[in-house]
Amino acid sequence: MSSNSYYNQFMRLENKVILITGGTSGIGRATLELFISEGAKVVFSGRRETLGRQLERRTGAKYIQADHRLAADCTRVVQETLASFKRIDVLFNNAGIVVSGTAETTSEQDWQDTLDLNVTAVWRMCKLVVPVMRAQGGGVIVNNASDWGLVGARDALAYAASKGAVIQMTRSMALDHAGENIRVNAVCPGDTFVDRWLQEGYFRASTPVDESEALQSETIPLGRVAQPSEIARAVLFLACDDSSFITGATLAVDGGNTAQ
């Protein structure tokens, strides 16, 4: 018996209602697929409707088109999830963007877009979901941060600042809601190969990279970048009862990058 089939027989998220923001590709999509294999009922959001509808048809998860920079869309996603399933057991705040720039070269628009999606949207979604979880007796929030929220990053000021904010929100919310049986943790991925790299590069609107080049790394101790499925398994650990005594934690899944 393979290790995957061994774990899947336990269906660690059986009948749990999971809400994933930014679930149409990359880490979000990999997490969605893994959670479904673990028995979850998954709702996911994303701006790209064509991708969302395709994934909805293929997996059976419920897709909601949304731009989480907009407060109204955050509210609508939560409302539609509750209308369909009456509860939310796990929220995975995954939607985000990666922009390059130093303090001098970051544009006003990139700064605002990054904070709106990577920080404000995370706060809004938590603000909307915490009362739901409190009323139902508990729940789990997993925020997607970054290893660059734990250490400094060159030429990625806005992104690193936003992920540092996510980590501090995670810690503070964990303390605020521990007594309500709501666990809040952050996964901190290192460089993770996603399709976007082939289309626009490591940063938004940068230079596309070759797949063979993208998969290797001279700076990460393990010598390569992560696959989205590897991050998804870490999110699963934080989302299920395997981590029942963990809250306020930052789980680095970065190939040893922050150990340097």
Protein backbone atom coordinates (compact mmCIF):
# COMPACT_ATOMS: atom_id res chain seq x y z
CA MET A 1 0.00 0.00 0.00
CA SER A 2 1.39 3.42 -0.94
CA SER A 3 1.73 6.14 1.68
CA ASN A 4 -0.87 8.23 -0.16
CA SER A 5 -3.49 5.47 -0.12
CA TYR A 6 -2.66 4.80 3.53
CA TYR A 7 -3.46 8.37 4.50
CA ASN A 8 -6.43 8.78 2.17
CA GLN A 9 -8.29 5.89 3.74
CA PHE A 10 -8.71 8.03 6.85
CA MET A 11 -10.37 10.88 4.90
CA ARG A 12 -9.04 13.53 7.26
CA LEU A 13 -11.46 16.19 5.98
CA GLU A 14 -14.52 14.04 5.47
CA ASN A 15 -17.66 16.22 5.19
CA LYS A 16 -15.73 19.35 6.18
CA VAL A 17 -16.65 22.50 4.28
CA ILE A 18 -13.52 24.21 2.99
CA LEU A 19 -13.32 27.69 1.47
CA ILE A 20 -10.21 28.41 -0.63
CA THR A 21 -9.52 31.85 -2.08
CA GLY A 22 -7.48 31.98 -5.27
CA GLY A 23 -8.12 28.34 -6.06
CA THR A 24 -8.00 28.29 -9.86
CA SER A 25 -4.29 27.50 -10.25
CA GLY A 26 -1.00 26.85 -8.48
CA ILE A 27 -1.04 26.16 -4.76
CA GLY A 28 -4.77 26.86 -4.52
CA ARG A 29 -5.66 24.30 -7.16
CA ALA A 30 -3.31 21.66 -5.73
CA THR A 31 -4.83 22.19 -2.28
CA LEU A 32 -8.36 21.97 -3.66
CA GLU A 33 -7.60 18.65 -5.35
CA LEU A 34 -5.94 17.21 -2.25
CA PHE A 35 -8.75 18.33 0.03
CA ILE A 36 -11.36 16.72 -2.20
CA SER A 37 -9.40 13.46 -2.08
CA GLU A 38 -9.59 13.74 1.72
CA GLY A 39 -13.39 13.90 1.65
CA ALA A 40 -13.93 17.66 1.86
CA LYS A 41 -16.68 19.75 0.31
CA VAL A 42 -14.73 22.55 -1.34
CA VAL A 43 -15.73 26.04 -2.41
CA PHE A 44 -13.10 28.07 -4.23
CA SER A 45 -12.86 31.56 -5.65
CA GLY A 46 -10.79 33.22 -8.34
CA ARG A 47 -10.84 36.03 -10.83
CA ARG A 48 -10.38 33.87 -13.96
CA GLU A 49 -13.83 32.49 -14.65
CA THR A 50 -12.89 30.21 -17.55
CA LEU A 51 -10.31 28.40 -15.42
CA GLY A 52 -12.70 28.32 -12.49
CA ARG A 53 -15.55 26.76 -14.43
CA GLN A 54 -13.25 24.16 -15.96
CA LEU A 55 -11.95 23.16 -12.54
CA GLU A 56 -15.48 23.13 -11.15
CA ARG A 57 -16.59 20.68 -13.83
CA ARG A 58 -13.54 18.46 -13.40
CA THR A 59 -13.54 18.24 -9.60
CA GLY A 60 -17.10 18.89 -8.46
CA ALA A 61 -15.99 21.74 -6.22
CA LYS A 62 -18.11 24.88 -6.20
CA TYR A 63 -16.59 27.88 -7.98
CA ILE A 64 -17.39 31.52 -7.18
CA GLN A 65 -15.95 34.22 -9.43
CA ALA A 66 -14.48 36.95 -7.25
CA ASP A 67 -11.82 39.62 -6.98
CA HIS A 68 -10.83 39.67 -3.32
CA ARG A 69 -9.49 43.19 -3.56
CA LEU A 70 -13.17 44.17 -3.44
CA ALA A 71 -14.94 44.08 -0.08
CA ALA A 72 -18.26 43.21 -1.73
CA ASP A 73 -16.73 40.15 -3.39
CA CYS A 74 -15.30 38.92 -0.09
CA THR A 75 -18.74 39.20 1.49
CA ARG A 76 -20.45 37.50 -1.45
CA VAL A 77 -18.07 34.53 -1.41
CA VAL A 78 -18.79 33.85 2.25
CA GLN A 79 -22.53 34.34 1.81
CA GLU A 80 -22.71 31.97 -1.16
CA THR A 81 -20.68 29.35 0.68
CA LEU A 82 -23.05 29.49 3.64
CA ALA A 83 -26.08 29.41 1.36
CA SER A 84 -24.80 26.16 -0.16
CA PHE A 85 -23.34 24.38 2.87
CA LYS A 86 -24.52 26.23 6.03
CA ARG A 87 -21.05 26.21 7.60
CA ILE A 88 -17.35 26.85 6.98
CA ASP A 89 -14.95 24.51 8.76
CA VAL A 90 -11.71 25.66 7.14
CA LEU A 91 -10.72 28.91 5.42
CA PHE A 92 -7.54 28.85 3.33
CA ASN A 93 -6.58 32.43 2.47
CA ASN A 94 -4.52 31.71 -0.62
CA ALA A 95 -5.27 34.52 -3.08
CA GLY A 96 -2.31 36.82 -3.62
CA ILE A 97 0.05 38.49 -6.05
CA VAL A 98 3.84 38.72 -6.29
CA VAL A 99 5.34 41.99 -7.48
CA SER A 100 8.96 43.09 -7.71
CA GLY A 101 10.51 46.38 -6.68
CA THR A 102 12.59 48.15 -4.08
CA ALA A 103 11.38 51.08 -1.97
CA GLU A 104 12.34 53.35 -4.86
CA THR A 105 11.07 51.32 -7.79
CA THR A 106 7.78 49.97 -6.45
CA SER A 107 4.93 51.84 -8.09
CA GLU A 108 1.98 53.25 -6.16
CA GLN A 109 -0.30 50.85 -8.05
CA ASP A 110 1.79 47.75 -7.27
CA TRP A 111 2.00 48.74 -3.60
CA GLN A 112 -1.75 49.25 -3.35
CA ASP A 113 -2.66 46.10 -5.28
CA THR A 114 -0.33 44.03 -3.12
CA LEU A 115 -1.71 45.34 0.17
CA ASP A 116 -5.31 45.12 -1.03
CA LEU A 117 -5.06 41.46 -1.99
CA ASN A 118 -2.30 40.04 0.20
CA VAL A 119 -3.23 41.82 3.43
CA THR A 120 -6.61 43.56 3.45
CA ALA A 121 -8.44 40.69 1.76
CA VAL A 122 -7.02 38.23 4.31
CA TRP A 123 -8.26 40.43 7.16
CA ARG A 124 -11.69 40.82 5.54
CA MET A 125 -12.13 37.11 4.94
CA CYS A 126 -11.14 36.30 8.51
CA LYS A 127 -13.44 39.01 9.84
CA LEU A 128 -16.33 37.47 7.89
CA VAL A 129 -15.58 33.85 8.78
CA VAL A 130 -14.66 34.08 12.47
CA PRO A 131 -18.29 34.75 13.60
CA VAL A 132 -19.41 31.74 11.53
CA MET A 133 -16.83 29.49 13.14
CA ARG A 134 -17.60 30.83 16.60
CA ALA A 135 -21.31 30.07 16.16
CA GLN A 136 -20.65 26.52 14.96
CA GLY A 137 -18.22 25.76 17.78
CA GLY A 138 -14.87 26.17 16.07
CA GLY A 139 -12.90 26.05 12.88
CA VAL A 140 -9.51 26.47 11.26
CA ILE A 141 -7.95 29.33 9.31
CA VAL A 142 -4.79 28.79 7.28
CA ASN A 143 -3.16 31.87 5.78
CA ASN A 144 -0.73 31.58 2.89
CA ALA A 145 2.28 33.69 3.85
CA SER A 146 5.81 33.16 2.51
CA ASP A 147 9.36 32.46 3.60
CA TRP A 148 9.92 36.08 2.54
CA GLY A 149 7.61 37.07 5.37
CA LEU A 150 10.09 35.46 7.77
CA VAL A 151 13.29 36.90 6.28
CA GLY A 152 14.16 39.85 4.08
CA ALA A 153 13.92 39.69 0.30
CA ARG A 154 15.79 41.57 -2.39
CA ASP A 155 13.74 43.51 -4.96
CA ALA A 156 10.41 42.39 -3.49
CA LEU A 157 9.66 45.04 -0.89
CA ALA A 158 5.86 45.19 -1.19
CA TYR A 159 5.47 41.42 -1.35
CA ALA A 160 7.74 40.72 1.62
CA ALA A 161 6.06 43.47 3.67
CA SER A 162 2.63 42.05 2.87
CA LYS A 163 3.59 38.53 3.90
CA GLY A 164 5.18 39.78 7.11
CA ALA A 165 1.85 41.42 7.86
CA VAL A 166 0.03 38.14 7.19
CA ILE A 167 2.28 36.35 9.68
CA GLN A 168 1.59 38.94 12.37
CA MET A 169 -2.16 38.82 11.68
CA THR A 170 -1.97 35.05 12.02
CA ARG A 171 -0.27 35.23 15.40
CA SER A 172 -2.62 37.90 16.72
CA MET A 173 -5.78 36.14 15.55
CA ALA A 174 -4.55 32.88 17.04
CA LEU A 175 -4.35 34.56 20.43
CA ASP A 176 -7.66 36.38 20.02
CA HIS A 177 -9.64 33.27 19.11
CA ALA A 178 -7.90 30.33 20.80
CA GLY A 179 -10.57 30.28 23.50
CA GLU A 180 -13.25 29.90 20.83
CA ASN A 181 -11.76 26.71 19.39
CA ILE A 182 -10.60 28.55 16.27
CA ARG A 183 -7.05 27.68 15.25
CA VAL A 184 -5.14 30.12 13.01
CA ASN A 185 -1.84 29.21 11.38
CA ALA A 186 0.26 30.26 8.40
CA VAL A 187 2.03 28.19 5.79
CA CYS A 188 5.19 29.88 4.50
CA PRO A 189 6.15 28.46 1.11
CA GLY A 190 9.49 29.05 -0.48
CA ASP A 191 9.83 29.32 -4.26
CA THR A 192 7.09 27.12 -5.72
CA PHE A 193 6.73 26.27 -9.39
CA VAL A 194 3.45 27.55 -10.81
CA ASP A 195 2.20 27.92 -14.39
CA ARG A 196 2.35 31.69 -14.07
CA TRP A 197 6.15 31.56 -14.15
CA LEU A 198 6.03 30.24 -17.72
CA GLN A 199 3.64 33.00 -18.77
CA GLU A 200 4.90 36.12 -17.00
CA GLY A 201 7.88 35.15 -14.86
CA TYR A 202 8.52 35.02 -11.14
CA PHE A 203 6.89 38.40 -10.55
CA ARG A 204 3.75 39.91 -12.03
CA ALA A 205 4.43 41.17 -15.57
CA SER A 206 8.12 40.24 -15.52
CA THR A 207 9.96 37.91 -17.93
CA PRO A 208 8.74 34.35 -18.64
CA VAL A 209 11.14 31.59 -17.63
CA ASP A 210 11.89 28.19 -19.10
CA GLU A 211 10.43 25.29 -17.09
CA SER A 212 13.71 23.39 -16.75
CA GLU A 213 15.40 26.57 -15.52
CA ALA A 214 12.57 27.38 -13.15
CA LEU A 215 12.62 24.01 -11.42
CA GLN A 216 16.25 24.27 -10.32
CA SER A 217 17.71 26.55 -7.68
CA GLU A 218 21.27 27.33 -6.66
CA THR A 219 20.17 29.22 -3.54
CA ILE A 220 17.78 26.70 -1.97
CA PRO A 221 19.62 23.99 0.05
CA LEU A 222 17.53 21.18 -1.46
CA GLY A 223 18.59 22.37 -4.91
CA ARG A 224 15.14 22.83 -6.38
CA VAL A 225 11.89 24.71 -5.98
CA ALA A 226 8.73 23.19 -4.52
CA GLN A 227 5.84 21.65 -6.38
CA PRO A 228 2.39 23.01 -5.48
CA SER A 229 1.38 19.58 -4.17
CA GLU A 230 4.14 19.78 -1.55
CA ILE A 231 2.72 23.02 -0.20
CA ALA A 232 -0.79 21.57 -0.34
CA ARG A 233 0.22 18.73 1.96
CA ALA A 234 1.47 21.25 4.51
CA VAL A 235 -1.82 23.13 4.29
CA LEU A 236 -3.67 19.85 4.83
CA PHE A 237 -1.65 19.20 8.00
CA LEU A 238 -2.59 22.61 9.39
CA ALA A 239 -6.23 22.25 8.32
CA CYS A 240 -6.95 18.85 9.83
CA ASP A 241 -6.86 17.40 13.33
CA ASP A 242 -3.29 16.17 12.87
CA SER A 243 -2.33 19.69 14.03
CA SER A 244 -5.00 19.96 16.73
CA PHE A 245 -2.59 21.49 19.29
CA ILE A 246 -1.02 23.98 16.89
CA THR A 247 -2.15 27.59 16.61
CA GLY A 248 -0.28 30.81 15.90
CA ALA A 249 2.42 28.87 14.07
CA THR A 250 4.33 29.65 10.88
CA LEU A 251 5.20 26.49 8.98
CA ALA A 252 8.11 27.11 6.61
CA VAL A 253 8.00 24.83 3.56
CA ASP A 254 10.99 26.30 1.80
CA GLY A 255 13.61 23.63 1.11
CA GLY A 256 15.77 24.99 3.90
CA ASN A 257 15.91 28.57 2.60
CA THR A 258 15.28 30.28 5.94
CA ALA A 259 17.76 27.98 7.73
CA GLN A 260 20.65 29.77 5.96
